[in-house]
């Protein structure tokens, strides 16, 4: 029985990056919260920087994904390897 990959092969690259960056941003925010609760200022600063970097990437990928959806670029998208998938 084959396993399904974690990263879907039937979605555009921009959608995948949007989702992964958003999830990584949420994780970074949680880590920053915990670092602040335990009074670790250096770790808190690093996690806050990661949080904003992840959400910046997610914002840009979301704009690209939305533009592709609105223009119909993703119509009829099929399952392909990552390197062959559309942006």
C-alpha atoms as a PDB file:
ATOM      1  CA  UNK A   1       0.000   0.000   0.000  1.00  0.00           C
ATOM      2  CA  UNK A   2       1.531   3.310  -1.106  1.00  0.00           C
ATOM      3  CA  UNK A   3       1.895   6.224   1.254  1.00  0.00           C
ATOM      4  CA  UNK A   4       0.623   9.645   0.290  1.00  0.00           C
ATOM      5  CA  UNK A   5       3.361  12.300   0.216  1.00  0.00           C
ATOM      6  CA  UNK A   6       3.230  15.109   2.770  1.00  0.00           C
ATOM      7  CA  UNK A   7       3.495  17.719   0.024  1.00  0.00           C
ATOM      8  CA  UNK A   8       0.598  17.331  -2.419  1.00  0.00           C
ATOM      9  CA  UNK A   9       1.575  16.752  -6.037  1.00  0.00           C
ATOM     10  CA  UNK A  10      -1.667  18.115  -7.491  1.00  0.00           C
ATOM     11  CA  UNK A  11      -1.334  21.693  -6.181  1.00  0.00           C
ATOM     12  CA  UNK A  12       0.694  24.593  -7.610  1.00  0.00           C
ATOM     13  CA  UNK A  13       4.064  25.410  -6.061  1.00  0.00           C
ATOM     14  CA  UNK A  14       2.830  28.772  -4.790  1.00  0.00           C
ATOM     15  CA  UNK A  15       0.000  27.099  -2.862  1.00  0.00           C
ATOM     16  CA  UNK A  16       2.373  24.557  -1.291  1.00  0.00           C
ATOM     17  CA  UNK A  17       4.856  27.278  -0.277  1.00  0.00           C
ATOM     18  CA  UNK A  18       2.014  29.420   1.097  1.00  0.00           C
ATOM     19  CA  UNK A  19       0.769  26.580   3.295  1.00  0.00           C
ATOM     20  CA  UNK A  20       4.194  25.420   4.499  1.00  0.00           C
ATOM     21  CA  UNK A  21       5.386  28.968   5.241  1.00  0.00           C
ATOM     22  CA  UNK A  22       2.159  29.688   7.128  1.00  0.00           C
ATOM     23  CA  UNK A  23       2.533  26.546   9.227  1.00  0.00           C
ATOM     24  CA  UNK A  24       6.199  27.306   9.906  1.00  0.00           C
ATOM     25  CA  UNK A  25       5.177  30.840  10.915  1.00  0.00           C
ATOM     26  CA  UNK A  26       2.632  29.497  13.375  1.00  0.00           C
ATOM     27  CA  UNK A  27       5.236  27.167  14.856  1.00  0.00           C
ATOM     28  CA  UNK A  28       7.756  30.035  15.113  1.00  0.00           C
ATOM     29  CA  UNK A  29       5.158  32.187  16.852  1.00  0.00           C
ATOM     30  CA  UNK A  30       4.446  29.441  19.354  1.00  0.00           C
ATOM     31  CA  UNK A  31       8.173  29.020  20.010  1.00  0.00           C
ATOM     32  CA  UNK A  32       8.547  32.797  20.460  1.00  0.00           C
ATOM     33  CA  UNK A  33       5.683  32.767  22.946  1.00  0.00           C
ATOM     34  CA  UNK A  34       7.290  29.931  24.899  1.00  0.00           C
ATOM     35  CA  UNK A  35      10.708  31.634  24.795  1.00  0.00           C
ATOM     36  CA  UNK A  36       9.110  34.803  26.196  1.00  0.00           C
ATOM     37  CA  UNK A  37       7.359  32.801  28.906  1.00  0.00           C
ATOM     38  CA  UNK A  38      10.657  31.213  29.965  1.00  0.00           C
ATOM     39  CA  UNK A  39      12.523  34.556  29.770  1.00  0.00           C
ATOM     40  CA  UNK A  40      14.908  33.579  26.950  1.00  0.00           C
ATOM     41  CA  UNK A  41      15.378  36.932  25.171  1.00  0.00           C
ATOM     42  CA  UNK A  42      17.827  35.747  22.483  1.00  0.00           C
ATOM     43  CA  UNK A  43      15.660  32.779  21.506  1.00  0.00           C
ATOM     44  CA  UNK A  44      12.579  35.002  21.541  1.00  0.00           C
ATOM     45  CA  UNK A  45      14.249  37.456  19.154  1.00  0.00           C
ATOM     46  CA  UNK A  46      15.308  34.656  16.794  1.00  0.00           C
ATOM     47  CA  UNK A  47      11.830  33.112  16.766  1.00  0.00           C
ATOM     48  CA  UNK A  48      10.161  36.471  16.196  1.00  0.00           C
ATOM     49  CA  UNK A  49      12.473  37.082  13.232  1.00  0.00           C
ATOM     50  CA  UNK A  50      11.610  33.623  11.874  1.00  0.00           C
ATOM     51  CA  UNK A  51       7.917  34.349  12.406  1.00  0.00           C
ATOM     52  CA  UNK A  52       8.043  37.519  10.316  1.00  0.00           C
ATOM     53  CA  UNK A  53      10.219  35.902   7.644  1.00  0.00           C
ATOM     54  CA  UNK A  54       7.826  32.964   7.295  1.00  0.00           C
ATOM     55  CA  UNK A  55       4.777  35.184   7.120  1.00  0.00           C
ATOM     56  CA  UNK A  56       6.505  37.419   4.565  1.00  0.00           C
ATOM     57  CA  UNK A  57       7.151  34.406   2.354  1.00  0.00           C
ATOM     58  CA  UNK A  58       3.575  33.191   2.914  1.00  0.00           C
ATOM     59  CA  UNK A  59       2.209  36.615   1.962  1.00  0.00           C
ATOM     60  CA  UNK A  60       4.175  36.716  -1.294  1.00  0.00           C
ATOM     61  CA  UNK A  61       3.297  33.108  -2.196  1.00  0.00           C
ATOM     62  CA  UNK A  62      -0.353  33.809  -1.387  1.00  0.00           C
ATOM     63  CA  UNK A  63      -0.382  36.779  -3.751  1.00  0.00           C
ATOM     64  CA  UNK A  64       1.165  34.644  -6.515  1.00  0.00           C
ATOM     65  CA  UNK A  65      -1.313  31.838  -5.837  1.00  0.00           C
ATOM     66  CA  UNK A  66      -4.313  34.176  -5.811  1.00  0.00           C
ATOM     67  CA  UNK A  67      -3.196  35.797  -9.061  1.00  0.00           C
ATOM     68  CA  UNK A  68      -2.824  32.384 -10.679  1.00  0.00           C
ATOM     69  CA  UNK A  69      -6.278  31.321  -9.519  1.00  0.00           C
ATOM     70  CA  UNK A  70      -7.941  34.533 -10.665  1.00  0.00           C
ATOM     71  CA  UNK A  71      -6.353  34.343 -14.113  1.00  0.00           C
ATOM     72  CA  UNK A  72      -7.239  30.662 -14.553  1.00  0.00           C
ATOM     73  CA  UNK A  73      -3.612  29.580 -14.713  1.00  0.00           C
ATOM     74  CA  UNK A  74      -4.313  26.609 -12.429  1.00  0.00           C
ATOM     75  CA  UNK A  75      -7.340  25.320 -14.312  1.00  0.00           C
ATOM     76  CA  UNK A  76      -7.018  21.627 -15.052  1.00  0.00           C
ATOM     77  CA  UNK A  77      -3.897  21.180 -12.935  1.00  0.00           C
ATOM     78  CA  UNK A  78      -2.894  17.536 -12.547  1.00  0.00           C
ATOM     79  CA  UNK A  79      -0.572  15.460 -10.432  1.00  0.00           C
ATOM     80  CA  UNK A  80       3.049  16.098 -11.405  1.00  0.00           C
ATOM     81  CA  UNK A  81       6.477  15.881  -9.776  1.00  0.00           C
ATOM     82  CA  UNK A  82       7.490  19.039  -7.879  1.00  0.00           C
ATOM     83  CA  UNK A  83      10.014  20.185 -10.497  1.00  0.00           C
ATOM     84  CA  UNK A  84       7.369  20.025 -13.254  1.00  0.00           C
ATOM     85  CA  UNK A  85       4.515  21.659 -11.331  1.00  0.00           C
ATOM     86  CA  UNK A  86       3.395  25.193 -12.224  1.00  0.00           C
ATOM     87  CA  UNK A  87       3.942  28.192  -9.967  1.00  0.00           C
END
